[in-house]
Amino acid sequence: MLVFRWLILLCLLGAAICFAFYAGTGQPRFKHYGGVTLKWALLAAGGFFAVLILERVA
């Protein structure tokens, strides 16, 4: 579980860095990379919390 927490944290950090690069350079590719990374980080977090909830219920 610790590995998944770090993976989600690193994905969110990567998305924040991409958005910071977009703010600094104004290049839309960094905005796109940040959005894609954020989407996958949120999907991973949703899956992680779904597993935690299912463990608690079962």
PDB file of N, CA and C in Angstrom:
ATOM      1  N   MET A   1       0.812  -1.187   0.000  1.00  0.00           N
ATOM      2  CA  MET A   1       0.000   0.000   0.000  1.00  0.00           C
ATOM      3  C   MET A   1       0.863   1.262   0.000  1.00  0.00           C
ATOM      4  N   LEU A   2       1.996   1.183   0.647  1.00  0.00           N
ATOM      5  CA  LEU A   2       2.879   2.341   0.695  1.00  0.00           C
ATOM      6  C   LEU A   2       3.382   2.711  -0.688  1.00  0.00           C
ATOM      7  N   VAL A   3       3.612   1.705  -1.515  1.00  0.00           N
ATOM      8  CA  VAL A   3       4.084   1.955  -2.876  1.00  0.00           C
ATOM      9  C   VAL A   3       3.028   2.715  -3.671  1.00  0.00           C
ATOM     10  N   PHE A   4       1.773   2.344  -3.526  1.00  0.00           N
ATOM     11  CA  PHE A   4       0.703   3.019  -4.248  1.00  0.00           C
ATOM     12  C   PHE A   4       0.525   4.456  -3.773  1.00  0.00           C
ATOM     13  N   ARG A   5       0.700   4.688  -2.484  1.00  0.00           N
ATOM     14  CA  ARG A   5       0.608   6.053  -1.965  1.00  0.00           C
ATOM     15  C   ARG A   5       1.716   6.926  -2.567  1.00  0.00           C
ATOM     16  N   TRP A   6       2.920   6.390  -2.624  1.00  0.00           N
ATOM     17  CA  TRP A   6       4.028   7.152  -3.204  1.00  0.00           C
ATOM     18  C   TRP A   6       3.823   7.366  -4.695  1.00  0.00           C
ATOM     19  N   LEU A   7       3.277   6.371  -5.375  1.00  0.00           N
ATOM     20  CA  LEU A   7       3.020   6.499  -6.810  1.00  0.00           C
ATOM     21  C   LEU A   7       2.006   7.612  -7.084  1.00  0.00           C
ATOM     22  N   ILE A   8       0.951   7.662  -6.309  1.00  0.00           N
ATOM     23  CA  ILE A   8      -0.063   8.702  -6.474  1.00  0.00           C
ATOM     24  C   ILE A   8       0.535  10.069  -6.148  1.00  0.00           C
ATOM     25  N   LEU A   9       1.316  10.138  -5.078  1.00  0.00           N
ATOM     26  CA  LEU A   9       1.947  11.399  -4.703  1.00  0.00           C
ATOM     27  C   LEU A   9       2.892  11.894  -5.793  1.00  0.00           C
ATOM     28  N   LEU A  10       3.675  10.995  -6.365  1.00  0.00           N
ATOM     29  CA  LEU A  10       4.601  11.390  -7.422  1.00  0.00           C
ATOM     30  C   LEU A  10       3.869  11.815  -8.688  1.00  0.00           C
ATOM     31  N   CYS A  11       2.763  11.160  -8.999  1.00  0.00           N
ATOM     32  CA  CYS A  11       1.967  11.580 -10.157  1.00  0.00           C
ATOM     33  C   CYS A  11       1.392  12.982  -9.945  1.00  0.00           C
ATOM     34  N   LEU A  12       0.895  13.252  -8.757  1.00  0.00           N
ATOM     35  CA  LEU A  12       0.369  14.590  -8.474  1.00  0.00           C
ATOM     36  C   LEU A  12       1.471  15.640  -8.500  1.00  0.00           C
ATOM     37  N   LEU A  13       2.639  15.283  -7.999  1.00  0.00           N
ATOM     38  CA  LEU A  13       3.773  16.202  -8.050  1.00  0.00           C
ATOM     39  C   LEU A  13       4.202  16.467  -9.487  1.00  0.00           C
ATOM     40  N   GLY A  14       4.209  15.428 -10.307  1.00  0.00           N
ATOM     41  CA  GLY A  14       4.539  15.592 -11.721  1.00  0.00           C
ATOM     42  C   GLY A  14       3.544  16.494 -12.432  1.00  0.00           C
ATOM     43  N   ALA A  15       2.270  16.344 -12.118  1.00  0.00           N
ATOM     44  CA  ALA A  15       1.251  17.203 -12.721  1.00  0.00           C
ATOM     45  C   ALA A  15       1.453  18.653 -12.288  1.00  0.00           C
ATOM     46  N   ALA A  16       1.784  18.866 -11.020  1.00  0.00           N
ATOM     47  CA  ALA A  16       2.025  20.228 -10.535  1.00  0.00           C
ATOM     48  C   ALA A  16       3.237  20.847 -11.232  1.00  0.00           C
ATOM     49  N   ILE A  17       4.266  20.058 -11.455  1.00  0.00           N
ATOM     50  CA  ILE A  17       5.453  20.553 -12.152  1.00  0.00           C
ATOM     51  C   ILE A  17       5.108  20.904 -13.592  1.00  0.00           C
ATOM     52  N   CYS A  18       4.318  20.063 -14.250  1.00  0.00           N
ATOM     53  CA  CYS A  18       3.906  20.364 -15.628  1.00  0.00           C
ATOM     54  C   CYS A  18       3.106  21.661 -15.689  1.00  0.00           C
ATOM     55  N   PHE A  19       2.187  21.867 -14.751  1.00  0.00           N
ATOM     56  CA  PHE A  19       1.410  23.101 -14.747  1.00  0.00           C
ATOM     57  C   PHE A  19       2.289  24.310 -14.427  1.00  0.00           C
ATOM     58  N   ALA A  20       3.314  24.126 -13.586  1.00  0.00           N
ATOM     59  CA  ALA A  20       4.239  25.224 -13.306  1.00  0.00           C
ATOM     60  C   ALA A  20       5.038  25.578 -14.562  1.00  0.00           C
ATOM     61  N   PHE A  21       5.466  24.557 -15.314  1.00  0.00           N
ATOM     62  CA  PHE A  21       6.156  24.824 -16.573  1.00  0.00           C
ATOM     63  C   PHE A  21       5.238  25.546 -17.555  1.00  0.00           C
ATOM     64  N   TYR A  22       3.965  25.171 -17.573  1.00  0.00           N
ATOM     65  CA  TYR A  22       3.010  25.855 -18.448  1.00  0.00           C
ATOM     66  C   TYR A  22       2.870  27.325 -18.036  1.00  0.00           C
ATOM     67  N   ALA A  23       2.791  27.558 -16.737  1.00  0.00           N
ATOM     68  CA  ALA A  23       2.663  28.935 -16.261  1.00  0.00           C
ATOM     69  C   ALA A  23       3.914  29.745 -16.587  1.00  0.00           C
ATOM     70  N   GLY A  24       5.070  29.084 -16.537  1.00  0.00           N
ATOM     71  CA  GLY A  24       6.318  29.786 -16.804  1.00  0.00           C
ATOM     72  C   GLY A  24       6.590  30.018 -18.278  1.00  0.00           C
ATOM     73  N   THR A  25       6.253  29.049 -19.125  1.00  0.00           N
ATOM     74  CA  THR A  25       6.603  29.144 -20.547  1.00  0.00           C
ATOM     75  C   THR A  25       5.418  29.517 -21.429  1.00  0.00           C
ATOM     76  N   GLY A  26       4.219  29.155 -21.027  1.00  0.00           N
ATOM     77  CA  GLY A  26       3.040  29.421 -21.841  1.00  0.00           C
ATOM     78  C   GLY A  26       2.849  28.427 -22.971  1.00  0.00           C
ATOM     79  N   GLN A  27       3.650  27.357 -22.996  1.00  0.00           N
ATOM     80  CA  GLN A  27       3.516  26.343 -24.044  1.00  0.00           C
ATOM     81  C   GLN A  27       2.378  25.390 -23.681  1.00  0.00           C
ATOM     82  N   PRO A  28       1.425  25.219 -24.600  1.00  0.00           N
ATOM     83  CA  PRO A  28       0.254  24.398 -24.275  1.00  0.00           C
ATOM     84  C   PRO A  28       0.568  22.915 -24.095  1.00  0.00           C
ATOM     85  N   ARG A  29       1.701  22.443 -24.565  1.00  0.00           N
ATOM     86  CA  ARG A  29       2.005  21.011 -24.400  1.00  0.00           C
ATOM     87  C   ARG A  29       2.185  20.660 -22.933  1.00  0.00           C
ATOM     88  N   PHE A  30       2.709  21.594 -22.127  1.00  0.00           N
ATOM     89  CA  PHE A  30       2.864  21.318 -20.699  1.00  0.00           C
ATOM     90  C   PHE A  30       1.504  21.258 -19.999  1.00  0.00           C
ATOM     91  N   LYS A  31       0.575  22.077 -20.453  1.00  0.00           N
ATOM     92  CA  LYS A  31      -0.784  22.025 -19.912  1.00  0.00           C
ATOM     93  C   LYS A  31      -1.423  20.676 -20.231  1.00  0.00           C
ATOM     94  N   HIS A  32      -1.203  20.191 -21.442  1.00  0.00           N
ATOM     95  CA  HIS A  32      -1.739  18.887 -21.847  1.00  0.00           C
ATOM     96  C   HIS A  32      -1.118  17.767 -21.014  1.00  0.00           C
ATOM     97  N   TYR A  33       0.211  17.784 -20.870  1.00  0.00           N
ATOM     98  CA  TYR A  33       0.892  16.755 -20.067  1.00  0.00           C
ATOM     99  C   TYR A  33       0.401  16.776 -18.623  1.00  0.00           C
ATOM    100  N   GLY A  34       0.225  17.968 -18.073  1.00  0.00           N
ATOM    101  CA  GLY A  34      -0.266  18.089 -16.703  1.00  0.00           C
ATOM    102  C   GLY A  34      -1.677  17.554 -16.549  1.00  0.00           C
ATOM    103  N   GLY A  35      -2.529  17.832 -17.531  1.00  0.00           N
ATOM    104  CA  GLY A  35      -3.906  17.335 -17.472  1.00  0.00           C
ATOM    105  C   GLY A  35      -3.978  15.827 -17.558  1.00  0.00           C
ATOM    106  N   VAL A  36      -3.187  15.256 -18.449  1.00  0.00           N
ATOM    107  CA  VAL A  36      -3.170  13.792 -18.592  1.00  0.00           C
ATOM    108  C   VAL A  36      -2.624  13.139 -17.321  1.00  0.00           C
ATOM    109  N   THR A  37      -1.542  13.690 -16.784  1.00  0.00           N
ATOM    110  CA  THR A  37      -0.958  13.140 -15.560  1.00  0.00           C
ATOM    111  C   THR A  37      -1.925  13.260 -14.392  1.00  0.00           C
ATOM    112  N   LEU A  38      -2.602  14.392 -14.300  1.00  0.00           N
ATOM    113  CA  LEU A  38      -3.572  14.582 -13.223  1.00  0.00           C
ATOM    114  C   LEU A  38      -4.734  13.604 -13.352  1.00  0.00           C
ATOM    115  N   LYS A  39      -5.202  13.383 -14.575  1.00  0.00           N
ATOM    116  CA  LYS A  39      -6.302  12.439 -14.800  1.00  0.00           C
ATOM    117  C   LYS A  39      -5.915  11.042 -14.320  1.00  0.00           C
ATOM    118  N   TRP A  40      -4.729  10.585 -14.694  1.00  0.00           N
ATOM    119  CA  TRP A  40      -4.309   9.248 -14.292  1.00  0.00           C
ATOM    120  C   TRP A  40      -4.033   9.149 -12.798  1.00  0.00           C
ATOM    121  N   ALA A  41      -3.545  10.221 -12.199  1.00  0.00           N
ATOM    122  CA  ALA A  41      -3.324  10.221 -10.753  1.00  0.00           C
ATOM    123  C   ALA A  41      -4.654  10.123 -10.008  1.00  0.00           C
ATOM    124  N   LEU A  42      -5.664  10.840 -10.489  1.00  0.00           N
ATOM    125  CA  LEU A  42      -6.970  10.769  -9.835  1.00  0.00           C
ATOM    126  C   LEU A  42      -7.634   9.411 -10.029  1.00  0.00           C
ATOM    127  N   LEU A  43      -7.444   8.816 -11.200  1.00  0.00           N
ATOM    128  CA  LEU A  43      -7.966   7.458 -11.414  1.00  0.00           C
ATOM    129  C   LEU A  43      -7.271   6.450 -10.499  1.00  0.00           C
ATOM    130  N   ALA A  44      -5.967   6.583 -10.349  1.00  0.00           N
ATOM    131  CA  ALA A  44      -5.220   5.685  -9.457  1.00  0.00           C
ATOM    132  C   ALA A  44      -5.659   5.885  -8.008  1.00  0.00           C
ATOM    133  N   ALA A  45      -5.867   7.134  -7.610  1.00  0.00           N
ATOM    134  CA  ALA A  45      -6.323   7.406  -6.244  1.00  0.00           C
ATOM    135  C   ALA A  45      -7.720   6.843  -6.016  1.00  0.00           C
ATOM    136  N   GLY A  46      -8.596   6.968  -7.013  1.00  0.00           N
ATOM    137  CA  GLY A  46      -9.937   6.397  -6.890  1.00  0.00           C
ATOM    138  C   GLY A  46      -9.888   4.885  -6.739  1.00  0.00           C
ATOM    139  N   GLY A  47      -9.045   4.238  -7.520  1.00  0.00           N
ATOM    140  CA  GLY A  47      -8.879   2.786  -7.392  1.00  0.00           C
ATOM    141  C   GLY A  47      -8.312   2.393  -6.039  1.00  0.00           C
ATOM    142  N   PHE A  48      -7.352   3.152  -5.562  1.00  0.00           N
ATOM    143  CA  PHE A  48      -6.743   2.889  -4.263  1.00  0.00           C
ATOM    144  C   PHE A  48      -7.785   2.972  -3.149  1.00  0.00           C
ATOM    145  N   PHE A  49      -8.584   4.042  -3.167  1.00  0.00           N
ATOM    146  CA  PHE A  49      -9.593   4.193  -2.116  1.00  0.00           C
ATOM    147  C   PHE A  49     -10.724   3.190  -2.271  1.00  0.00           C
ATOM    148  N   ALA A  50     -11.016   2.770  -3.498  1.00  0.00           N
ATOM    149  CA  ALA A  50     -12.023   1.729  -3.690  1.00  0.00           C
ATOM    150  C   ALA A  50     -11.569   0.418  -3.061  1.00  0.00           C
ATOM    151  N   VAL A  51     -10.296   0.086  -3.227  1.00  0.00           N
ATOM    152  CA  VAL A  51      -9.759  -1.134  -2.605  1.00  0.00           C
ATOM    153  C   VAL A  51      -9.805  -1.030  -1.096  1.00  0.00           C
ATOM    154  N   LEU A  52      -9.460   0.138  -0.555  1.00  0.00           N
ATOM    155  CA  LEU A  52      -9.523   0.311   0.900  1.00  0.00           C
ATOM    156  C   LEU A  52     -10.953   0.151   1.421  1.00  0.00           C
ATOM    157  N   ILE A  53     -11.917   0.704   0.701  1.00  0.00           N
ATOM    158  CA  ILE A  53     -13.320   0.593   1.123  1.00  0.00           C
ATOM    159  C   ILE A  53     -13.789  -0.857   1.038  1.00  0.00           C
ATOM    160  N   LEU A  54     -13.429  -1.544  -0.044  1.00  0.00           N
ATOM    161  CA  LEU A  54     -13.824  -2.940  -0.193  1.00  0.00           C
ATOM    162  C   LEU A  54     -13.195  -3.825   0.886  1.00  0.00           C
ATOM    163  N   GLU A  55     -11.958  -3.523   1.280  1.00  0.00           N
ATOM    164  CA  GLU A  55     -11.330  -4.288   2.358  1.00  0.00           C
ATOM    165  C   GLU A  55     -12.069  -4.073   3.672  1.00  0.00           C
ATOM    166  N   ARG A  56     -12.523  -2.858   3.870  1.00  0.00           N
ATOM    167  CA  ARG A  56     -13.213  -2.530   5.132  1.00  0.00           C
ATOM    168  C   ARG A  56     -14.582  -3.203   5.193  1.00  0.00           C
ATOM    169  N   VAL A  57     -15.266  -3.269   4.042  1.00  0.00           N
ATOM    170  CA  VAL A  57     -16.604  -3.860   3.989  1.00  0.00           C
ATOM    171  C   VAL A  57     -16.532  -5.380   4.117  1.00  0.00           C
ATOM    172  N   ALA A  58     -15.589  -5.977   3.426  1.00  0.00           N
ATOM    173  CA  ALA A  58     -15.523  -7.450   3.403  1.00  0.00           C
ATOM    174  C   ALA A  58     -14.840  -8.022   4.619  1.00  0.00           C
TER     175      ALA A  58
END
